[in-house]
Amino acid sequence: MNWGVKLMIGMLCFMSFIIVLAVLMMKSKTDALVDTDYYEKGLDYDKDYNRKEQVNADNAAPIIQIVDGNISLKFKDKAEGDVKLVRNADKRLDKKLTISTDTLNTVKIPLKGIEKGQWRLIISWTTDGKAYLNEQEVMIP
């Protein structure tokens, strides 16, 4: 084999590699890092920002502890709202729960069915007509 044949074989291998990558790219799912409703979330950004700032202004951030197989949320005052448990590694594991505090202003979320690892808690609640939003990272042992 002379150098021309080797050059042609090398070019064919490279072109085949590029074609295979292009086909795989066309068959792949949409990018998991891009939200499908990013435009709507962008419009609501100001509302979320104001609710986060309200938490800072009123010093109303809940205390989060993992105790006796539960996630315990201790609020400053009586609260009602939602908790989203977001798993960055796998979107299918995300959970959304409705919460309401007890007489001690606490909420207990059982860890049954929640996998171990890093979770982001997005807590959205109202207290005395004021809306709040808080996000915290939690490690489930």
C-alpha atoms as a PDB file:
ATOM      1  CA  MET A   1       0.000   0.000   0.000  1.00  0.00           C
ATOM      2  CA  ASN A   2       1.313   3.376  -0.907  1.00  0.00           C
ATOM      3  CA  TRP A   3       0.752   6.662   0.968  1.00  0.00           C
ATOM      4  CA  GLY A   4      -2.225   7.725  -1.215  1.00  0.00           C
ATOM      5  CA  VAL A   5      -4.290   4.663  -0.261  1.00  0.00           C
ATOM      6  CA  LYS A   6      -3.459   5.173   3.418  1.00  0.00           C
ATOM      7  CA  LEU A   7      -4.518   8.818   3.121  1.00  0.00           C
ATOM      8  CA  MET A   8      -7.846   7.858   1.536  1.00  0.00           C
ATOM      9  CA  ILE A   9      -8.522   5.210   4.216  1.00  0.00           C
ATOM     10  CA  GLY A  10      -7.755   7.793   6.947  1.00  0.00           C
ATOM     11  CA  MET A  11     -10.105  10.351   5.329  1.00  0.00           C
ATOM     12  CA  LEU A  12     -12.913   7.772   4.981  1.00  0.00           C
ATOM     13  CA  CYS A  13     -12.559   6.757   8.635  1.00  0.00           C
ATOM     14  CA  PHE A  14     -12.674  10.410   9.736  1.00  0.00           C
ATOM     15  CA  MET A  15     -15.694  11.179   7.530  1.00  0.00           C
ATOM     16  CA  SER A  16     -17.489   8.086   8.860  1.00  0.00           C
ATOM     17  CA  PHE A  17     -16.787   9.234  12.404  1.00  0.00           C
ATOM     18  CA  ILE A  18     -18.259  12.693  11.699  1.00  0.00           C
ATOM     19  CA  ILE A  19     -21.358  11.198  10.038  1.00  0.00           C
ATOM     20  CA  VAL A  20     -21.956   8.853  13.000  1.00  0.00           C
ATOM     21  CA  LEU A  21     -21.676  11.785  15.430  1.00  0.00           C
ATOM     22  CA  ALA A  22     -24.119  13.855  13.347  1.00  0.00           C
ATOM     23  CA  VAL A  23     -26.666  11.013  13.294  1.00  0.00           C
ATOM     24  CA  LEU A  24     -26.342  10.499  17.067  1.00  0.00           C
ATOM     25  CA  MET A  25     -26.803  14.227  17.637  1.00  0.00           C
ATOM     26  CA  MET A  26     -29.981  14.275  15.534  1.00  0.00           C
ATOM     27  CA  LYS A  27     -31.434  11.306  17.441  1.00  0.00           C
ATOM     28  CA  SER A  28     -30.664  12.692  20.915  1.00  0.00           C
ATOM     29  CA  LYS A  29     -33.335  14.183  23.163  1.00  0.00           C
ATOM     30  CA  THR A  30     -33.589  17.891  23.817  1.00  0.00           C
ATOM     31  CA  ASP A  31     -31.095  19.400  26.201  1.00  0.00           C
ATOM     32  CA  ALA A  32     -32.030  18.544  29.796  1.00  0.00           C
ATOM     33  CA  LEU A  33     -30.527  21.805  31.065  1.00  0.00           C
ATOM     34  CA  VAL A  34     -33.048  23.941  29.179  1.00  0.00           C
ATOM     35  CA  ASP A  35     -36.533  24.311  30.663  1.00  0.00           C
ATOM     36  CA  THR A  36     -39.442  23.921  28.289  1.00  0.00           C
ATOM     37  CA  ASP A  37     -41.240  26.829  29.948  1.00  0.00           C
ATOM     38  CA  TYR A  38     -38.276  29.178  30.364  1.00  0.00           C
ATOM     39  CA  TYR A  39     -40.207  32.170  28.986  1.00  0.00           C
ATOM     40  CA  GLU A  40     -42.976  31.902  31.587  1.00  0.00           C
ATOM     41  CA  LYS A  41     -40.399  31.452  34.350  1.00  0.00           C
ATOM     42  CA  GLY A  42     -38.619  34.571  33.114  1.00  0.00           C
ATOM     43  CA  LEU A  43     -41.812  36.591  33.393  1.00  0.00           C
ATOM     44  CA  ASP A  44     -42.343  35.392  36.971  1.00  0.00           C
ATOM     45  CA  TYR A  45     -38.753  36.116  38.019  1.00  0.00           C
ATOM     46  CA  ASP A  46     -39.620  39.477  39.614  1.00  0.00           C
ATOM     47  CA  LYS A  47     -42.318  37.869  41.761  1.00  0.00           C
ATOM     48  CA  ASP A  48     -39.911  35.184  42.953  1.00  0.00           C
ATOM     49  CA  TYR A  49     -37.184  37.745  43.651  1.00  0.00           C
ATOM     50  CA  ASN A  50     -39.565  39.884  45.733  1.00  0.00           C
ATOM     51  CA  ARG A  51     -40.687  36.846  47.729  1.00  0.00           C
ATOM     52  CA  LYS A  52     -37.048  35.893  48.425  1.00  0.00           C
ATOM     53  CA  GLU A  53     -36.291  39.443  49.535  1.00  0.00           C
ATOM     54  CA  GLN A  54     -39.343  39.340  51.834  1.00  0.00           C
ATOM     55  CA  VAL A  55     -37.770  36.350  53.610  1.00  0.00           C
ATOM     56  CA  ASN A  56     -34.623  38.411  54.241  1.00  0.00           C
ATOM     57  CA  ALA A  57     -36.538  41.529  55.296  1.00  0.00           C
ATOM     58  CA  ASP A  58     -38.694  39.642  57.824  1.00  0.00           C
ATOM     59  CA  ASN A  59     -35.936  37.208  58.857  1.00  0.00           C
ATOM     60  CA  ALA A  60     -38.446  34.437  58.157  1.00  0.00           C
ATOM     61  CA  ALA A  61     -36.204  31.709  56.729  1.00  0.00           C
ATOM     62  CA  PRO A  62     -37.306  28.320  58.070  1.00  0.00           C
ATOM     63  CA  ILE A  63     -34.887  26.180  60.036  1.00  0.00           C
ATOM     64  CA  ILE A  64     -34.353  22.862  58.260  1.00  0.00           C
ATOM     65  CA  GLN A  65     -33.234  19.779  60.160  1.00  0.00           C
ATOM     66  CA  ILE A  66     -33.208  16.064  59.435  1.00  0.00           C
ATOM     67  CA  VAL A  67     -34.512  14.327  62.551  1.00  0.00           C
ATOM     68  CA  ASP A  68     -35.845  10.797  63.117  1.00  0.00           C
ATOM     69  CA  GLY A  69     -36.396   9.961  59.446  1.00  0.00           C
ATOM     70  CA  ASN A  70     -38.116  13.283  58.711  1.00  0.00           C
ATOM     71  CA  ILE A  71     -37.213  16.633  57.256  1.00  0.00           C
ATOM     72  CA  SER A  72     -38.300  19.109  59.905  1.00  0.00           C
ATOM     73  CA  LEU A  73     -39.142  22.668  58.841  1.00  0.00           C
ATOM     74  CA  LYS A  74     -39.477  25.163  61.715  1.00  0.00           C
ATOM     75  CA  PHE A  75     -41.173  28.414  60.698  1.00  0.00           C
ATOM     76  CA  LYS A  76     -41.219  31.705  62.582  1.00  0.00           C
ATOM     77  CA  ASP A  77     -45.046  31.933  62.398  1.00  0.00           C
ATOM     78  CA  LYS A  78     -47.950  29.821  61.138  1.00  0.00           C
ATOM     79  CA  ALA A  79     -47.439  29.002  57.450  1.00  0.00           C
ATOM     80  CA  GLU A  80     -49.178  27.296  54.549  1.00  0.00           C
ATOM     81  CA  GLY A  81     -47.755  26.582  51.129  1.00  0.00           C
ATOM     82  CA  ASP A  82     -45.749  24.169  49.002  1.00  0.00           C
ATOM     83  CA  VAL A  83     -42.408  22.393  49.191  1.00  0.00           C
ATOM     84  CA  LYS A  84     -40.640  21.163  46.073  1.00  0.00           C
ATOM     85  CA  LEU A  85     -37.916  18.595  46.541  1.00  0.00           C
ATOM     86  CA  VAL A  86     -35.689  18.926  43.486  1.00  0.00           C
ATOM     87  CA  ARG A  87     -33.026  16.351  42.652  1.00  0.00           C
ATOM     88  CA  ASN A  88     -30.512  17.948  40.298  1.00  0.00           C
ATOM     89  CA  ALA A  89     -29.162  14.564  39.235  1.00  0.00           C
ATOM     90  CA  ASP A  90     -32.520  13.112  38.142  1.00  0.00           C
ATOM     91  CA  LYS A  91     -35.586  15.207  37.343  1.00  0.00           C
ATOM     92  CA  ARG A  92     -37.874  12.151  37.612  1.00  0.00           C
ATOM     93  CA  LEU A  93     -37.289  12.015  41.392  1.00  0.00           C
ATOM     94  CA  ASP A  94     -38.648  15.545  41.998  1.00  0.00           C
ATOM     95  CA  LYS A  95     -41.563  15.794  44.418  1.00  0.00           C
ATOM     96  CA  LYS A  96     -44.049  18.538  45.293  1.00  0.00           C
ATOM     97  CA  LEU A  97     -45.874  18.585  48.623  1.00  0.00           C
ATOM     98  CA  THR A  98     -48.477  20.856  50.196  1.00  0.00           C
ATOM     99  CA  ILE A  99     -47.611  21.918  53.738  1.00  0.00           C
ATOM    100  CA  SER A 100     -49.350  23.450  56.719  1.00  0.00           C
ATOM    101  CA  THR A 101     -47.708  24.067  60.082  1.00  0.00           C
ATOM    102  CA  ASP A 102     -48.823  22.476  63.329  1.00  0.00           C
ATOM    103  CA  THR A 103     -49.279  24.264  66.669  1.00  0.00           C
ATOM    104  CA  LEU A 104     -45.499  24.518  67.106  1.00  0.00           C
ATOM    105  CA  ASN A 105     -45.098  26.088  63.612  1.00  0.00           C
ATOM    106  CA  THR A 106     -43.292  23.022  62.317  1.00  0.00           C
ATOM    107  CA  VAL A 107     -43.780  20.723  59.339  1.00  0.00           C
ATOM    108  CA  LYS A 108     -42.445  17.184  59.169  1.00  0.00           C
ATOM    109  CA  ILE A 109     -41.816  15.615  55.778  1.00  0.00           C
ATOM    110  CA  PRO A 110     -41.187  11.848  55.959  1.00  0.00           C
ATOM    111  CA  LEU A 111     -38.074  10.629  54.156  1.00  0.00           C
ATOM    112  CA  LYS A 112     -39.811   7.445  53.018  1.00  0.00           C
ATOM    113  CA  GLY A 113     -39.548   7.307  49.224  1.00  0.00           C
ATOM    114  CA  ILE A 114     -36.884  10.029  49.085  1.00  0.00           C
ATOM    115  CA  GLU A 115     -33.505   8.782  47.920  1.00  0.00           C
ATOM    116  CA  LYS A 116     -30.280   9.623  49.699  1.00  0.00           C
ATOM    117  CA  GLY A 117     -28.107  12.405  48.314  1.00  0.00           C
ATOM    118  CA  GLN A 118     -28.137  16.114  47.515  1.00  0.00           C
ATOM    119  CA  TRP A 119     -31.584  17.766  47.250  1.00  0.00           C
ATOM    120  CA  ARG A 120     -32.741  21.345  46.781  1.00  0.00           C
ATOM    121  CA  LEU A 121     -35.744  22.378  48.870  1.00  0.00           C
ATOM    122  CA  ILE A 122     -37.830  25.156  47.329  1.00  0.00           C
ATOM    123  CA  ILE A 123     -40.245  26.333  49.995  1.00  0.00           C
ATOM    124  CA  SER A 124     -43.059  28.663  48.970  1.00  0.00           C
ATOM    125  CA  TRP A 125     -45.430  29.778  51.729  1.00  0.00           C
ATOM    126  CA  THR A 126     -47.689  32.529  53.006  1.00  0.00           C
ATOM    127  CA  THR A 127     -47.857  33.936  56.515  1.00  0.00           C
ATOM    128  CA  ASP A 128     -50.282  36.686  57.519  1.00  0.00           C
ATOM    129  CA  GLY A 129     -50.959  37.550  53.879  1.00  0.00           C
ATOM    130  CA  LYS A 130     -47.254  37.872  52.971  1.00  0.00           C
ATOM    131  CA  ALA A 131     -45.746  35.585  50.351  1.00  0.00           C
ATOM    132  CA  TYR A 132     -42.309  34.033  50.887  1.00  0.00           C
ATOM    133  CA  LEU A 133     -39.922  31.886  48.853  1.00  0.00           C
ATOM    134  CA  ASN A 134     -36.810  30.162  50.162  1.00  0.00           C
ATOM    135  CA  GLU A 135     -34.365  27.739  48.520  1.00  0.00           C
ATOM    136  CA  GLN A 136     -31.895  25.631  50.464  1.00  0.00           C
ATOM    137  CA  GLU A 137     -29.641  22.687  49.704  1.00  0.00           C
ATOM    138  CA  VAL A 138     -30.096  19.617  51.895  1.00  0.00           C
ATOM    139  CA  MET A 139     -28.097  16.397  52.106  1.00  0.00           C
ATOM    140  CA  ILE A 140     -30.277  13.365  52.844  1.00  0.00           C
ATOM    141  CA  PRO A 141     -28.131  10.777  54.651  1.00  0.00           C
END
